[in-house]
Amino acid sequence: MSLSTHVLDTCRGEPAADVPVTLQRLGQYGWSTVATGTTDADGRLRDWVPAEQWLPGRYGLRFDVAAYQGLGSFFPEVTIVFDVADTVRHLHLPLLLSKFGYTTYRGS
Protein backbone atom coordinates (compact mmCIF):
# COMPACT_ATOMS: atom_id res chain seq x y z
CA MET A 1 0.00 0.00 0.00
CA SER A 2 1.05 3.58 -0.47
CA LEU A 3 -0.16 6.92 0.86
CA SER A 4 0.17 10.38 -0.61
CA THR A 5 -1.15 13.79 0.34
CA HIS A 6 -1.30 17.20 -1.31
CA VAL A 7 -1.73 20.34 0.80
CA LEU A 8 -3.05 23.44 -0.95
CA ASP A 9 -3.36 26.95 0.49
CA THR A 10 -6.71 28.09 -0.94
CA CYS A 11 -6.24 31.66 0.41
CA ARG A 12 -3.12 32.17 -1.68
CA GLY A 13 -4.05 29.78 -4.47
CA GLU A 14 -0.82 27.81 -4.28
CA PRO A 15 0.70 24.66 -2.78
CA ALA A 16 1.55 24.67 0.93
CA ALA A 17 5.25 23.78 1.10
CA ASP A 18 7.13 22.65 4.20
CA VAL A 19 4.10 21.47 6.21
CA PRO A 20 5.17 18.85 8.78
CA VAL A 21 3.01 15.71 8.56
CA THR A 22 2.84 12.77 10.98
CA LEU A 23 1.20 9.42 10.27
CA GLN A 24 -0.03 7.58 13.36
CA ARG A 25 -1.65 4.19 13.89
CA LEU A 26 -4.14 3.41 16.66
CA GLY A 27 -3.08 0.35 18.60
CA GLN A 28 -4.10 -1.42 21.76
CA TYR A 29 -2.41 1.22 23.96
CA GLY A 30 -3.21 4.36 21.96
CA TRP A 31 -1.64 6.17 19.02
CA SER A 32 1.91 5.50 17.85
CA THR A 33 3.91 7.29 15.17
CA VAL A 34 4.46 5.32 11.96
CA ALA A 35 6.22 7.99 9.89
CA THR A 36 6.92 11.70 9.66
CA GLY A 37 7.57 13.89 6.66
CA THR A 38 7.29 17.38 5.20
CA THR A 39 5.47 18.53 2.09
CA ASP A 40 7.67 19.45 -0.87
CA ALA A 41 7.62 22.71 -2.88
CA ASP A 42 4.49 21.48 -4.68
CA GLY A 43 2.74 20.76 -1.35
CA ARG A 44 3.03 17.01 -1.89
CA LEU A 45 4.23 14.15 0.25
CA ARG A 46 4.36 10.72 -1.38
CA ASP A 47 6.07 7.36 -1.04
CA TRP A 48 7.13 8.11 2.53
CA VAL A 49 5.77 5.03 4.31
CA PRO A 50 7.27 1.63 3.38
CA ALA A 51 4.61 -0.80 2.12
CA GLU A 52 5.48 -3.41 4.73
CA GLN A 53 4.53 -1.02 7.57
CA TRP A 54 0.86 -0.98 6.54
CA LEU A 55 -1.54 -3.12 8.53
CA PRO A 56 -5.34 -3.02 8.52
CA GLY A 57 -6.58 -0.59 11.16
CA ARG A 58 -7.22 3.02 12.08
CA TYR A 59 -4.74 5.74 11.15
CA GLY A 60 -4.39 9.46 11.71
CA LEU A 61 -2.67 11.90 9.37
CA ARG A 62 -1.68 14.99 11.39
CA PHE A 63 -0.76 18.24 9.66
CA ASP A 64 1.13 20.86 11.71
CA VAL A 65 -0.61 23.86 10.17
CA ALA A 66 0.88 26.28 12.74
CA ALA A 67 4.35 25.53 11.32
CA TYR A 68 3.23 26.56 7.82
CA GLN A 69 4.42 30.13 7.28
CA GLY A 70 1.96 31.16 4.57
CA LEU A 71 -1.22 31.06 6.64
CA GLY A 72 -2.14 32.39 10.08
CA SER A 73 -4.69 29.70 10.75
CA PHE A 74 -7.41 29.45 13.38
CA PHE A 75 -6.69 25.71 13.37
CA PRO A 76 -3.08 25.04 14.50
CA GLU A 77 -3.29 21.39 13.46
CA VAL A 78 -5.52 19.21 11.33
CA THR A 79 -5.84 15.48 11.89
CA ILE A 80 -7.58 13.25 9.36
CA VAL A 81 -8.57 9.90 10.87
CA PHE A 82 -9.21 7.07 8.42
CA ASP A 83 -9.53 3.29 8.33
CA VAL A 84 -7.43 0.95 6.20
CA ALA A 85 -8.91 -2.41 5.27
CA ASP A 86 -7.09 -3.06 1.98
CA THR A 87 -3.31 -2.78 2.41
CA VAL A 88 -2.67 -3.16 -1.32
CA ARG A 89 -4.59 -0.12 -2.55
CA HIS A 90 -3.13 3.40 -2.91
CA LEU A 91 -4.62 6.16 -0.75
CA HIS A 92 -4.47 9.86 -1.62
CA LEU A 93 -5.72 12.31 1.02
CA PRO A 94 -5.59 15.95 -0.11
CA LEU A 95 -5.96 18.82 2.36
CA LEU A 96 -7.26 22.22 1.26
CA LEU A 97 -6.41 24.93 3.80
CA SER A 98 -7.82 28.38 4.39
CA LYS A 99 -7.50 30.71 7.37
CA PHE A 100 -10.74 29.61 9.04
CA GLY A 101 -11.41 26.19 7.58
CA TYR A 102 -10.18 23.12 5.79
CA THR A 103 -11.52 20.43 3.48
CA THR A 104 -10.36 16.91 2.76
CA TYR A 105 -11.54 13.98 0.66
CA ARG A 106 -10.33 10.62 -0.57
CA GLY A 107 -8.59 11.31 -3.84
CA SER A 108 -7.17 8.98 -6.45
PDB file of N, CA and C in Angstrom:
ATOM      1  N   MET A   1       0.833  -1.170   0.000  1.00  0.00           N
ATOM      2  CA  MET A   1       0.000   0.000   0.000  1.00  0.00           C
ATOM      3  C   MET A   1       0.881   1.237   0.000  1.00  0.00           C
ATOM      4  N   SER A   2       0.337   2.304  -0.505  1.00  0.00           N
ATOM      5  CA  SER A   2       1.050   3.577  -0.474  1.00  0.00           C
ATOM      6  C   SER A   2       0.074   4.685  -0.098  1.00  0.00           C
ATOM      7  N   LEU A   3       0.634   5.771   0.428  1.00  0.00           N
ATOM      8  CA  LEU A   3      -0.156   6.921   0.857  1.00  0.00           C
ATOM      9  C   LEU A   3       0.494   8.179   0.329  1.00  0.00           C
ATOM     10  N   SER A   4      -0.327   9.068  -0.203  1.00  0.00           N
ATOM     11  CA  SER A   4       0.167  10.379  -0.606  1.00  0.00           C
ATOM     12  C   SER A   4      -0.811  11.438  -0.125  1.00  0.00           C
ATOM     13  N   THR A   5      -0.301  12.662  -0.013  1.00  0.00           N
ATOM     14  CA  THR A   5      -1.150  13.793   0.340  1.00  0.00           C
ATOM     15  C   THR A   5      -0.699  15.004  -0.461  1.00  0.00           C
ATOM     16  N   HIS A   6      -1.580  15.976  -0.584  1.00  0.00           N
ATOM     17  CA  HIS A   6      -1.299  17.204  -1.314  1.00  0.00           C
ATOM     18  C   HIS A   6      -1.976  18.322  -0.537  1.00  0.00           C
ATOM     19  N   VAL A   7      -1.186  19.246  -0.003  1.00  0.00           N
ATOM     20  CA  VAL A   7      -1.728  20.341   0.796  1.00  0.00           C
ATOM     21  C   VAL A   7      -1.723  21.607  -0.050  1.00  0.00           C
ATOM     22  N   LEU A   8      -2.896  22.223  -0.154  1.00  0.00           N
ATOM     23  CA  LEU A   8      -3.052  23.441  -0.947  1.00  0.00           C
ATOM     24  C   LEU A   8      -3.557  24.572  -0.067  1.00  0.00           C
ATOM     25  N   ASP A   9      -2.948  25.738  -0.212  1.00  0.00           N
ATOM     26  CA  ASP A   9      -3.358  26.951   0.490  1.00  0.00           C
ATOM     27  C   ASP A   9      -4.379  27.651  -0.405  1.00  0.00           C
ATOM     28  N   THR A  10      -5.662  27.533  -0.070  1.00  0.00           N
ATOM     29  CA  THR A  10      -6.705  28.092  -0.936  1.00  0.00           C
ATOM     30  C   THR A  10      -6.829  29.605  -0.784  1.00  0.00           C
ATOM     31  N   CYS A  11      -6.248  30.198   0.266  1.00  0.00           N
ATOM     32  CA  CYS A  11      -6.241  31.662   0.406  1.00  0.00           C
ATOM     33  C   CYS A  11      -5.274  32.288  -0.593  1.00  0.00           C
ATOM     34  N   ARG A  12      -4.141  31.647  -0.773  1.00  0.00           N
ATOM     35  CA  ARG A  12      -3.120  32.172  -1.681  1.00  0.00           C
ATOM     36  C   ARG A  12      -3.191  31.538  -3.063  1.00  0.00           C
ATOM     37  N   GLY A  13      -3.933  30.449  -3.172  1.00  0.00           N
ATOM     38  CA  GLY A  13      -4.050  29.784  -4.466  1.00  0.00           C
ATOM     39  C   GLY A  13      -2.779  29.088  -4.900  1.00  0.00           C
ATOM     40  N   GLU A  14      -2.073  28.492  -3.946  1.00  0.00           N
ATOM     41  CA  GLU A  14      -0.822  27.807  -4.278  1.00  0.00           C
ATOM     42  C   GLU A  14      -0.574  26.647  -3.320  1.00  0.00           C
ATOM     43  N   PRO A  15       0.385  25.788  -3.656  1.00  0.00           N
ATOM     44  CA  PRO A  15       0.705  24.661  -2.777  1.00  0.00           C
ATOM     45  C   PRO A  15       1.250  25.147  -1.436  1.00  0.00           C
ATOM     46  N   ALA A  16       1.023  24.371  -0.404  1.00  0.00           N
ATOM     47  CA  ALA A  16       1.549  24.666   0.932  1.00  0.00           C
ATOM     48  C   ALA A  16       2.815  23.835   1.139  1.00  0.00           C
ATOM     49  N   ALA A  17       3.956  24.459   0.955  1.00  0.00           N
ATOM     50  CA  ALA A  17       5.245  23.777   1.097  1.00  0.00           C
ATOM     51  C   ALA A  17       5.682  23.751   2.557  1.00  0.00           C
ATOM     52  N   ASP A  18       6.483  22.770   2.888  1.00  0.00           N
ATOM     53  CA  ASP A  18       7.128  22.655   4.202  1.00  0.00           C
ATOM     54  C   ASP A  18       6.155  22.476   5.368  1.00  0.00           C
ATOM     55  N   VAL A  19       5.043  21.786   5.128  1.00  0.00           N
ATOM     56  CA  VAL A  19       4.103  21.471   6.207  1.00  0.00           C
ATOM     57  C   VAL A  19       4.524  20.137   6.833  1.00  0.00           C
ATOM     58  N   PRO A  20       4.839  20.116   8.120  1.00  0.00           N
ATOM     59  CA  PRO A  20       5.166  18.850   8.777  1.00  0.00           C
ATOM     60  C   PRO A  20       3.927  17.953   8.874  1.00  0.00           C
ATOM     61  N   VAL A  21       4.113  16.674   8.553  1.00  0.00           N
ATOM     62  CA  VAL A  21       3.012  15.707   8.557  1.00  0.00           C
ATOM     63  C   VAL A  21       3.456  14.477   9.348  1.00  0.00           C
ATOM     64  N   THR A  22       2.561  13.969  10.184  1.00  0.00           N
ATOM     65  CA  THR A  22       2.840  12.772  10.975  1.00  0.00           C
ATOM     66  C   THR A  22       1.751  11.746  10.722  1.00  0.00           C
ATOM     67  N   LEU A  23       2.152  10.525  10.412  1.00  0.00           N
ATOM     68  CA  LEU A  23       1.203   9.424  10.271  1.00  0.00           C
ATOM     69  C   LEU A  23       1.248   8.606  11.549  1.00  0.00           C
ATOM     70  N   GLN A  24       0.069   8.370  12.137  1.00  0.00           N
ATOM     71  CA  GLN A  24      -0.030   7.576  13.356  1.00  0.00           C
ATOM     72  C   GLN A  24      -0.989   6.419  13.147  1.00  0.00           C
ATOM     73  N   ARG A  25      -0.770   5.352  13.929  1.00  0.00           N
ATOM     74  CA  ARG A  25      -1.653   4.188  13.893  1.00  0.00           C
ATOM     75  C   ARG A  25      -2.212   3.979  15.300  1.00  0.00           C
ATOM     76  N   LEU A  26      -3.503   3.677  15.368  1.00  0.00           N
ATOM     77  CA  LEU A  26      -4.139   3.407  16.656  1.00  0.00           C
ATOM     78  C   LEU A  26      -3.945   1.942  17.008  1.00  0.00           C
ATOM     79  N   GLY A  27      -3.311   1.710  18.135  1.00  0.00           N
ATOM     80  CA  GLY A  27      -3.078   0.345  18.598  1.00  0.00           C
ATOM     81  C   GLY A  27      -3.785   0.090  19.918  1.00  0.00           C
ATOM     82  N   GLN A  28      -3.477  -1.002  20.510  1.00  0.00           N
ATOM     83  CA  GLN A  28      -4.104  -1.418  21.762  1.00  0.00           C
ATOM     84  C   GLN A  28      -3.887  -0.403  22.887  1.00  0.00           C
ATOM     85  N   TYR A  29      -2.747   0.287  22.883  1.00  0.00           N
ATOM     86  CA  TYR A  29      -2.408   1.217  23.961  1.00  0.00           C
ATOM     87  C   TYR A  29      -2.431   2.679  23.514  1.00  0.00           C
ATOM     88  N   GLY A  30      -3.116   2.980  22.430  1.00  0.00           N
ATOM     89  CA  GLY A  30      -3.210   4.359  21.956  1.00  0.00           C
ATOM     90  C   GLY A  30      -2.499   4.552  20.627  1.00  0.00           C
ATOM     91  N   TRP A  31      -2.244   5.806  20.305  1.00  0.00           N
ATOM     92  CA  TRP A  31      -1.642   6.175  19.025  1.00  0.00           C
ATOM     93  C   TRP A  31      -0.126   6.049  19.074  1.00  0.00           C
ATOM     94  N   SER A  32       0.456   5.550  17.984  1.00  0.00           N
ATOM     95  CA  SER A  32       1.911   5.502  17.854  1.00  0.00           C
ATOM     96  C   SER A  32       2.291   6.045  16.484  1.00  0.00           C
ATOM     97  N   THR A  33       3.445   6.693  16.416  1.00  0.00           N
ATOM     98  CA  THR A  33       3.912   7.291  15.170  1.00  0.00           C
ATOM     99  C   THR A  33       4.471   6.218  14.247  1.00  0.00           C
ATOM    100  N   VAL A  34       3.998   6.241  13.001  1.00  0.00           N
ATOM    101  CA  VAL A  34       4.465   5.315  11.965  1.00  0.00           C
ATOM    102  C   VAL A  34       5.528   5.989  11.110  1.00  0.00           C
ATOM    103  N   ALA A  35       5.297   7.267  10.754  1.00  0.00           N
ATOM    104  CA  ALA A  35       6.223   7.989   9.886  1.00  0.00           C
ATOM    105  C   ALA A  35       5.996   9.487  10.025  1.00  0.00           C
ATOM    106  N   THR A  36       7.034  10.250   9.708  1.00  0.00           N
ATOM    107  CA  THR A  36       6.920  11.702   9.659  1.00  0.00           C
ATOM    108  C   THR A  36       7.512  12.178   8.344  1.00  0.00           C
ATOM    109  N   GLY A  37       7.064  13.327   7.896  1.00  0.00           N
ATOM    110  CA  GLY A  37       7.572  13.892   6.657  1.00  0.00           C
ATOM    111  C   GLY A  37       7.173  15.351   6.551  1.00  0.00           C
ATOM    112  N   THR A  38       7.587  15.978   5.458  1.00  0.00           N
ATOM    113  CA  THR A  38       7.291  17.383   5.201  1.00  0.00           C
ATOM    114  C   THR A  38       6.902  17.529   3.739  1.00  0.00           C
ATOM    115  N   THR A  39       5.894  18.344   3.477  1.00  0.00           N
ATOM    116  CA  THR A  39       5.470  18.533   2.091  1.00  0.00           C
ATOM    117  C   THR A  39       6.569  19.223   1.288  1.00  0.00           C
ATOM    118  N   ASP A  40       6.660  18.872   0.007  1.00  0.00           N
ATOM    119  CA  ASP A  40       7.671  19.451  -0.875  1.00  0.00           C
ATOM    120  C   ASP A  40       7.199  20.813  -1.405  1.00  0.00           C
ATOM    121  N   ALA A  41       7.942  21.391  -2.334  1.00  0.00           N
ATOM    122  CA  ALA A  41       7.623  22.708  -2.881  1.00  0.00           C
ATOM    123  C   ALA A  41       6.266  22.739  -3.571  1.00  0.00           C
ATOM    124  N   ASP A  42       5.795  21.580  -4.037  1.00  0.00           N
ATOM    125  CA  ASP A  42       4.486  21.482  -4.684  1.00  0.00           C
ATOM    126  C   ASP A  42       3.395  21.106  -3.677  1.00  0.00           C
ATOM    127  N   GLY A  43       3.719  21.097  -2.386  1.00  0.00           N
ATOM    128  CA  GLY A  43       2.740  20.761  -1.352  1.00  0.00           C
ATOM    129  C   GLY A  43       2.445  19.279  -1.244  1.00  0.00           C
ATOM    130  N   ARG A  44       3.287  18.449  -1.848  1.00  0.00           N
ATOM    131  CA  ARG A  44       3.026  17.005  -1.887  1.00  0.00           C
ATOM    132  C   ARG A  44       3.969  16.229  -0.966  1.00  0.00           C
ATOM    133  N   LEU A  45       3.441  15.118  -0.502  1.00  0.00           N
ATOM    134  CA  LEU A  45       4.230  14.148   0.251  1.00  0.00           C
ATOM    135  C   LEU A  45       3.784  12.783  -0.235  1.00  0.00           C
ATOM    136  N   ARG A  46       4.716  12.022  -0.798  1.00  0.00           N
ATOM    137  CA  ARG A  46       4.360  10.719  -1.379  1.00  0.00           C
ATOM    138  C   ARG A  46       5.480   9.713  -1.143  1.00  0.00           C
ATOM    139  N   ASP A  47       5.106   8.453  -1.182  1.00  0.00           N
ATOM    140  CA  ASP A  47       6.075   7.356  -1.044  1.00  0.00           C
ATOM    141  C   ASP A  47       6.954   7.509   0.193  1.00  0.00           C
ATOM    142  N   TRP A  48       6.357   7.853   1.315  1.00  0.00           N
ATOM    143  CA  TRP A  48       7.133   8.107   2.527  1.00  0.00           C
ATOM    144  C   TRP A  48       6.932   7.047   3.600  1.00  0.00           C
ATOM    145  N   VAL A  49       6.012   6.113   3.357  1.00  0.00           N
ATOM    146  CA  VAL A  49       5.772   5.032   4.309  1.00  0.00           C
ATOM    147  C   VAL A  49       6.031   3.708   3.589  1.00  0.00           C
ATOM    148  N   PRO A  50       7.002   2.912   4.033  1.00  0.00           N
ATOM    149  CA  PRO A  50       7.266   1.629   3.381  1.00  0.00           C
ATOM    150  C   PRO A  50       6.027   0.733   3.380  1.00  0.00           C
ATOM    151  N   ALA A  51       5.806   0.038   2.291  1.00  0.00           N
ATOM    152  CA  ALA A  51       4.608  -0.796   2.117  1.00  0.00           C
ATOM    153  C   ALA A  51       4.454  -1.834   3.222  1.00  0.00           C
ATOM    154  N   GLU A  52       5.568  -2.359   3.716  1.00  0.00           N
ATOM    155  CA  GLU A  52       5.483  -3.413   4.735  1.00  0.00           C
ATOM    156  C   GLU A  52       5.023  -2.888   6.102  1.00  0.00           C
ATOM    157  N   GLN A  53       4.990  -1.581   6.288  1.00  0.00           N
ATOM    158  CA  GLN A  53       4.530  -1.020   7.566  1.00  0.00           C
ATOM    159  C   GLN A  53       3.008  -0.917   7.655  1.00  0.00           C
ATOM    160  N   TRP A  54       2.318  -1.111   6.547  1.00  0.00           N
ATOM    161  CA  TRP A  54       0.863  -0.977   6.544  1.00  0.00           C
ATOM    162  C   TRP A  54       0.183  -2.240   7.046  1.00  0.00           C
ATOM    163  N   LEU A  55      -0.692  -2.053   8.005  1.00  0.00           N
ATOM    164  CA  LEU A  55      -1.542  -3.119   8.531  1.00  0.00           C
ATOM    165  C   LEU A  55      -2.975  -2.609   8.503  1.00  0.00           C
ATOM    166  N   PRO A  56      -3.957  -3.491   8.409  1.00  0.00           N
ATOM    167  CA  PRO A  56      -5.339  -3.022   8.519  1.00  0.00           C
ATOM    168  C   PRO A  56      -5.531  -2.336   9.876  1.00  0.00           C
ATOM    169  N   GLY A  57      -6.318  -1.275   9.893  1.00  0.00           N
ATOM    170  CA  GLY A  57      -6.579  -0.588  11.155  1.00  0.00           C
ATOM    171  C   GLY A  57      -6.915   0.872  10.966  1.00  0.00           C
ATOM    172  N   ARG A  58      -6.884   1.596  12.069  1.00  0.00           N
ATOM    173  CA  ARG A  58      -7.224   3.022  12.083  1.00  0.00           C
ATOM    174  C   ARG A  58      -5.944   3.843  12.127  1.00  0.00           C
ATOM    175  N   TYR A  59      -5.900   4.872  11.279  1.00  0.00           N
ATOM    176  CA  TYR A  59      -4.736   5.740  11.154  1.00  0.00           C
ATOM    177  C   TYR A  59      -5.149   7.197  11.289  1.00  0.00           C
ATOM    178  N   GLY A  60      -4.187   8.022  11.651  1.00  0.00           N
ATOM    179  CA  GLY A  60      -4.393   9.461  11.707  1.00  0.00           C
ATOM    180  C   GLY A  60      -3.273  10.159  10.965  1.00  0.00           C
ATOM    181  N   LEU A  61      -3.634  11.099  10.121  1.00  0.00           N
ATOM    182  CA  LEU A  61      -2.667  11.899   9.375  1.00  0.00           C
ATOM    183  C   LEU A  61      -2.740  13.309   9.958  1.00  0.00           C
ATOM    184  N   ARG A  62      -1.686  13.714  10.683  1.00  0.00           N
ATOM    185  CA  ARG A  62      -1.684  14.994  11.394  1.00  0.00           C
ATOM    186  C   ARG A  62      -0.828  16.009  10.649  1.00  0.00           C
ATOM    187  N   PHE A  63      -1.427  17.150  10.356  1.00  0.00           N
ATOM    188  CA  PHE A  63      -0.755  18.244   9.657  1.00  0.00           C
ATOM    189  C   PHE A  63      -0.490  19.364  10.662  1.00  0.00           C
ATOM    190  N   ASP A  64       0.765  19.773  10.802  1.00  0.00           N
ATOM    191  CA  ASP A  64       1.127  20.859  11.715  1.00  0.00           C
ATOM    192  C   ASP A  64       0.954  22.182  10.973  1.00  0.00           C
ATOM    193  N   VAL A  65      -0.272  22.658  10.937  1.00  0.00           N
ATOM    194  CA  VAL A  65      -0.609  23.862  10.174  1.00  0.00           C
ATOM    195  C   VAL A  65       0.066  25.094  10.775  1.00  0.00           C
ATOM    196  N   ALA A  66       0.238  25.132  12.095  1.00  0.00           N
ATOM    197  CA  ALA A  66       0.881  26.280  12.741  1.00  0.00           C
ATOM    198  C   ALA A  66       2.312  26.490  12.239  1.00  0.00           C
ATOM    199  N   ALA A  67       2.970  25.426  11.815  1.00  0.00           N
ATOM    200  CA  ALA A  67       4.347  25.527  11.316  1.00  0.00           C
ATOM    201  C   ALA A  67       4.406  26.066   9.890  1.00  0.00           C
ATOM    202  N   TYR A  68       3.269  26.061   9.202  1.00  0.00           N
ATOM    203  CA  TYR A  68       3.231  26.559   7.823  1.00  0.00           C
ATOM    204  C   TYR A  68       3.246  28.083   7.850  1.00  0.00           C
ATOM    205  N   GLN A  69       4.208  28.682   7.203  1.00  0.00           N
ATOM    206  CA  GLN A  69       4.420  30.128   7.285  1.00  0.00           C
ATOM    207  C   GLN A  69       3.470  30.965   6.432  1.00  0.00           C
ATOM    208  N   GLY A  70       2.782  30.378   5.485  1.00  0.00           N
ATOM    209  CA  GLY A  70       1.957  31.160   4.569  1.00  0.00           C
ATOM    210  C   GLY A  70       0.569  31.478   5.074  1.00  0.00           C
ATOM    211  N   LEU A  71       0.180  30.956   6.229  1.00  0.00           N
ATOM    212  CA  LEU A  71      -1.215  31.060   6.638  1.00  0.00           C
ATOM    213  C   LEU A  71      -1.308  31.165   8.152  1.00  0.00           C
ATOM    214  N   GLY A  72      -1.853  32.284   8.649  1.00  0.00           N
ATOM    215  CA  GLY A  72      -2.135  32.392  10.078  1.00  0.00           C
ATOM    216  C   GLY A  72      -3.480  31.730  10.325  1.00  0.00           C
ATOM    217  N   SER A  73      -3.470  30.488  10.707  1.00  0.00           N
ATOM    218  CA  SER A  73      -4.695  29.695  10.750  1.00  0.00           C
ATOM    219  C   SER A  73      -5.330  29.671  12.129  1.00  0.00           C
ATOM    220  N   PHE A  74      -6.645  29.640  12.157  1.00  0.00           N
ATOM    221  CA  PHE A  74      -7.412  29.448  13.383  1.00  0.00           C
ATOM    222  C   PHE A  74      -7.206  28.034  13.917  1.00  0.00           C
ATOM    223  N   PHE A  75      -6.927  27.103  13.016  1.00  0.00           N
ATOM    224  CA  PHE A  75      -6.692  25.705  13.368  1.00  0.00           C
ATOM    225  C   PHE A  75      -5.182  25.430  13.342  1.00  0.00           C
ATOM    226  N   PRO A  76      -4.528  25.255  14.504  1.00  0.00           N
ATOM    227  CA  PRO A  76      -3.084  25.039  14.504  1.00  0.00           C
ATOM    228  C   PRO A  76      -2.671  23.668  13.983  1.00  0.00           C
ATOM    229  N   GLU A  77      -3.581  22.708  14.034  1.00  0.00           N
ATOM    230  CA  GLU A  77      -3.294  21.394  13.463  1.00  0.00           C
ATOM    231  C   GLU A  77      -4.581  20.800  12.909  1.00  0.00           C
ATOM    232  N   VAL A  78      -4.405  19.941  11.938  1.00  0.00           N
ATOM    233  CA  VAL A  78      -5.523  19.213  11.335  1.00  0.00           C
ATOM    234  C   VAL A  78      -5.151  17.743  11.374  1.00  0.00           C
ATOM    235  N   THR A  79      -6.059  16.921  11.888  1.00  0.00           N
ATOM    236  CA  THR A  79      -5.841  15.479  11.888  1.00  0.00           C
ATOM    237  C   THR A  79      -6.975  14.808  11.136  1.00  0.00           C
ATOM    238  N   ILE A  80      -6.619  14.019  10.137  1.00  0.00           N
ATOM    239  CA  ILE A  80      -7.583  13.249   9.356  1.00  0.00           C
ATOM    240  C   ILE A  80      -7.473  11.806   9.833  1.00  0.00           C
ATOM    241  N   VAL A  81      -8.546  11.283  10.383  1.00  0.00           N
ATOM    242  CA  VAL A  81      -8.565   9.903  10.866  1.00  0.00           C
ATOM    243  C   VAL A  81      -9.274   9.049   9.823  1.00  0.00           C
ATOM    244  N   PHE A  82      -8.655   7.923   9.464  1.00  0.00           N
ATOM    245  CA  PHE A  82      -9.213   7.067   8.415  1.00  0.00           C
ATOM    246  C   PHE A  82      -8.911   5.608   8.730  1.00  0.00           C
ATOM    247  N   ASP A  83      -9.702   4.731   8.146  1.00  0.00           N
ATOM    248  CA  ASP A  83      -9.535   3.288   8.335  1.00  0.00           C
ATOM    249  C   ASP A  83      -8.948   2.649   7.085  1.00  0.00           C
ATOM    250  N   VAL A  84      -8.042   1.714   7.284  1.00  0.00           N
ATOM    251  CA  VAL A  84      -7.430   0.952   6.199  1.00  0.00           C
ATOM    252  C   VAL A  84      -7.863  -0.501   6.333  1.00  0.00           C
ATOM    253  N   ALA A  85      -8.528  -1.002   5.308  1.00  0.00           N
ATOM    254  CA  ALA A  85      -8.913  -2.415   5.266  1.00  0.00           C
ATOM    255  C   ALA A  85      -8.089  -3.157   4.218  1.00  0.00           C
ATOM    256  N   ASP A  86      -7.813  -2.483   3.108  1.00  0.00           N
ATOM    257  CA  ASP A  86      -7.091  -3.064   1.980  1.00  0.00           C
ATOM    258  C   ASP A  86      -5.679  -2.494   1.966  1.00  0.00           C
ATOM    259  N   THR A  87      -4.683  -3.275   2.339  1.00  0.00           N
ATOM    260  CA  THR A  87      -3.312  -2.782   2.414  1.00  0.00           C
ATOM    261  C   THR A  87      -2.567  -2.876   1.086  1.00  0.00           C
ATOM    262  N   VAL A  88      -3.286  -3.112   0.006  1.00  0.00           N
ATOM    263  CA  VAL A  88      -2.673  -3.157  -1.318  1.00  0.00           C
ATOM    264  C   VAL A  88      -2.978  -1.872  -2.088  1.00  0.00           C
ATOM    265  N   ARG A  89      -4.090  -1.283  -1.814  1.00  0.00           N
ATOM    266  CA  ARG A  89      -4.590  -0.124  -2.554  1.00  0.00           C
ATOM    267  C   ARG A  89      -3.843   1.167  -2.182  1.00  0.00           C
ATOM    268  N   HIS A  90      -3.730   2.088  -3.145  1.00  0.00           N
ATOM    269  CA  HIS A  90      -3.129   3.400  -2.913  1.00  0.00           C
ATOM    270  C   HIS A  90      -4.167   4.349  -2.314  1.00  0.00           C
ATOM    271  N   LEU A  91      -3.753   5.137  -1.322  1.00  0.00           N
ATOM    272  CA  LEU A  91      -4.616   6.164  -0.745  1.00  0.00           C
ATOM    273  C   LEU A  91      -4.024   7.534  -1.025  1.00  0.00           C
ATOM    274  N   HIS A  92      -4.874   8.473  -1.437  1.00  0.00           N
ATOM    275  CA  HIS A  92      -4.466   9.861  -1.618  1.00  0.00           C
ATOM    276  C   HIS A  92      -5.428  10.720  -0.814  1.00  0.00           C
ATOM    277  N   LEU A  93      -4.898  11.478   0.147  1.00  0.00           N
ATOM    278  CA  LEU A  93      -5.725  12.306   1.023  1.00  0.00           C
ATOM    279  C   LEU A  93      -5.284  13.765   0.911  1.00  0.00           C
ATOM    280  N   PRO A  94      -5.911  14.538   0.022  1.00  0.00           N
ATOM    281  CA  PRO A  94      -5.585  15.955  -0.112  1.00  0.00           C
ATOM    282  C   PRO A  94      -6.138  16.763   1.064  1.00  0.00           C
ATOM    283  N   LEU A  95      -5.493  17.894   1.338  1.00  0.00           N
ATOM    284  CA  LEU A  95      -5.960  18.824   2.357  1.00  0.00           C
ATOM    285  C   LEU A  95      -5.955  20.223   1.762  1.00  0.00           C
ATOM    286  N   LEU A  96      -7.119  20.854   1.751  1.00  0.00           N
ATOM    287  CA  LEU A  96      -7.256  22.221   1.263  1.00  0.00           C
ATOM    288  C   LEU A  96      -7.387  23.125   2.477  1.00  0.00           C
ATOM    289  N   LEU A  97      -6.450  24.069   2.630  1.00  0.00           N
ATOM    290  CA  LEU A  97      -6.408  24.931   3.802  1.00  0.00           C
ATOM    291  C   LEU A  97      -6.862  26.342   3.483  1.00  0.00           C
ATOM    292  N   SER A  98      -7.578  26.940   4.413  1.00  0.00           N
ATOM    293  CA  SER A  98      -7.825  28.377   4.394  1.00  0.00           C
ATOM    294  C   SER A  98      -7.674  28.861   5.827  1.00  0.00           C
ATOM    295  N   LYS A  99      -7.757  30.156   6.045  1.00  0.00           N
ATOM    296  CA  LYS A  99      -7.497  30.706   7.370  1.00  0.00           C
ATOM    297  C   LYS A  99      -8.473  30.190   8.430  1.00  0.00           C
ATOM    298  N   PHE A 100      -9.732  30.021   8.067  1.00  0.00           N
ATOM    299  CA  PHE A 100     -10.739  29.613   9.041  1.00  0.00           C
ATOM    300  C   PHE A 100     -11.429  28.300   8.704  1.00  0.00           C
ATOM    301  N   GLY A 101     -10.791  27.471   7.897  1.00  0.00           N
ATOM    302  CA  GLY A 101     -11.406  26.191   7.583  1.00  0.00           C
ATOM    303  C   GLY A 101     -10.473  25.301   6.788  1.00  0.00           C
ATOM    304  N   TYR A 102     -10.922  24.079   6.596  1.00  0.00           N
ATOM    305  CA  TYR A 102     -10.177  23.121   5.786  1.00  0.00           C
ATOM    306  C   TYR A 102     -11.145  22.092   5.231  1.00  0.00           C
ATOM    307  N   THR A 103     -10.722  21.456   4.140  1.00  0.00           N
ATOM    308  CA  THR A 103     -11.516  20.432   3.477  1.00  0.00           C
ATOM    309  C   THR A 103     -10.592  19.283   3.109  1.00  0.00           C
ATOM    310  N   THR A 104     -11.115  18.080   3.190  1.00  0.00           N
ATOM    311  CA  THR A 104     -10.362  16.913   2.758  1.00  0.00           C
ATOM    312  C   THR A 104     -11.309  15.935   2.078  1.00  0.00           C
ATOM    313  N   TYR A 105     -10.763  15.014   1.343  1.00  0.00           N
ATOM    314  CA  TYR A 105     -11.541  13.978   0.660  1.00  0.00           C
ATOM    315  C   TYR A 105     -10.591  12.856   0.285  1.00  0.00           C
ATOM    316  N   ARG A 106     -11.152  11.720  -0.079  1.00  0.00           N
ATOM    317  CA  ARG A 106     -10.329  10.620  -0.567  1.00  0.00           C
ATOM    318  C   ARG A 106     -10.119  10.813  -2.055  1.00  0.00           C
ATOM    319  N   GLY A 107      -8.906  11.090  -2.434  1.00  0.00           N
ATOM    320  CA  GLY A 107      -8.586  11.307  -3.839  1.00  0.00           C
ATOM    321  C   GLY A 107      -8.197  10.012  -4.520  1.00  0.00           C
ATOM    322  N   SER A 108      -7.582  10.160  -5.682  1.00  0.00           N
ATOM    323  CA  SER A 108      -7.175   8.977  -6.448  1.00  0.00           C
ATOM    324  C   SER A 108      -5.687   9.025  -6.747  1.00  0.00           C
TER     325      SER A 108
END
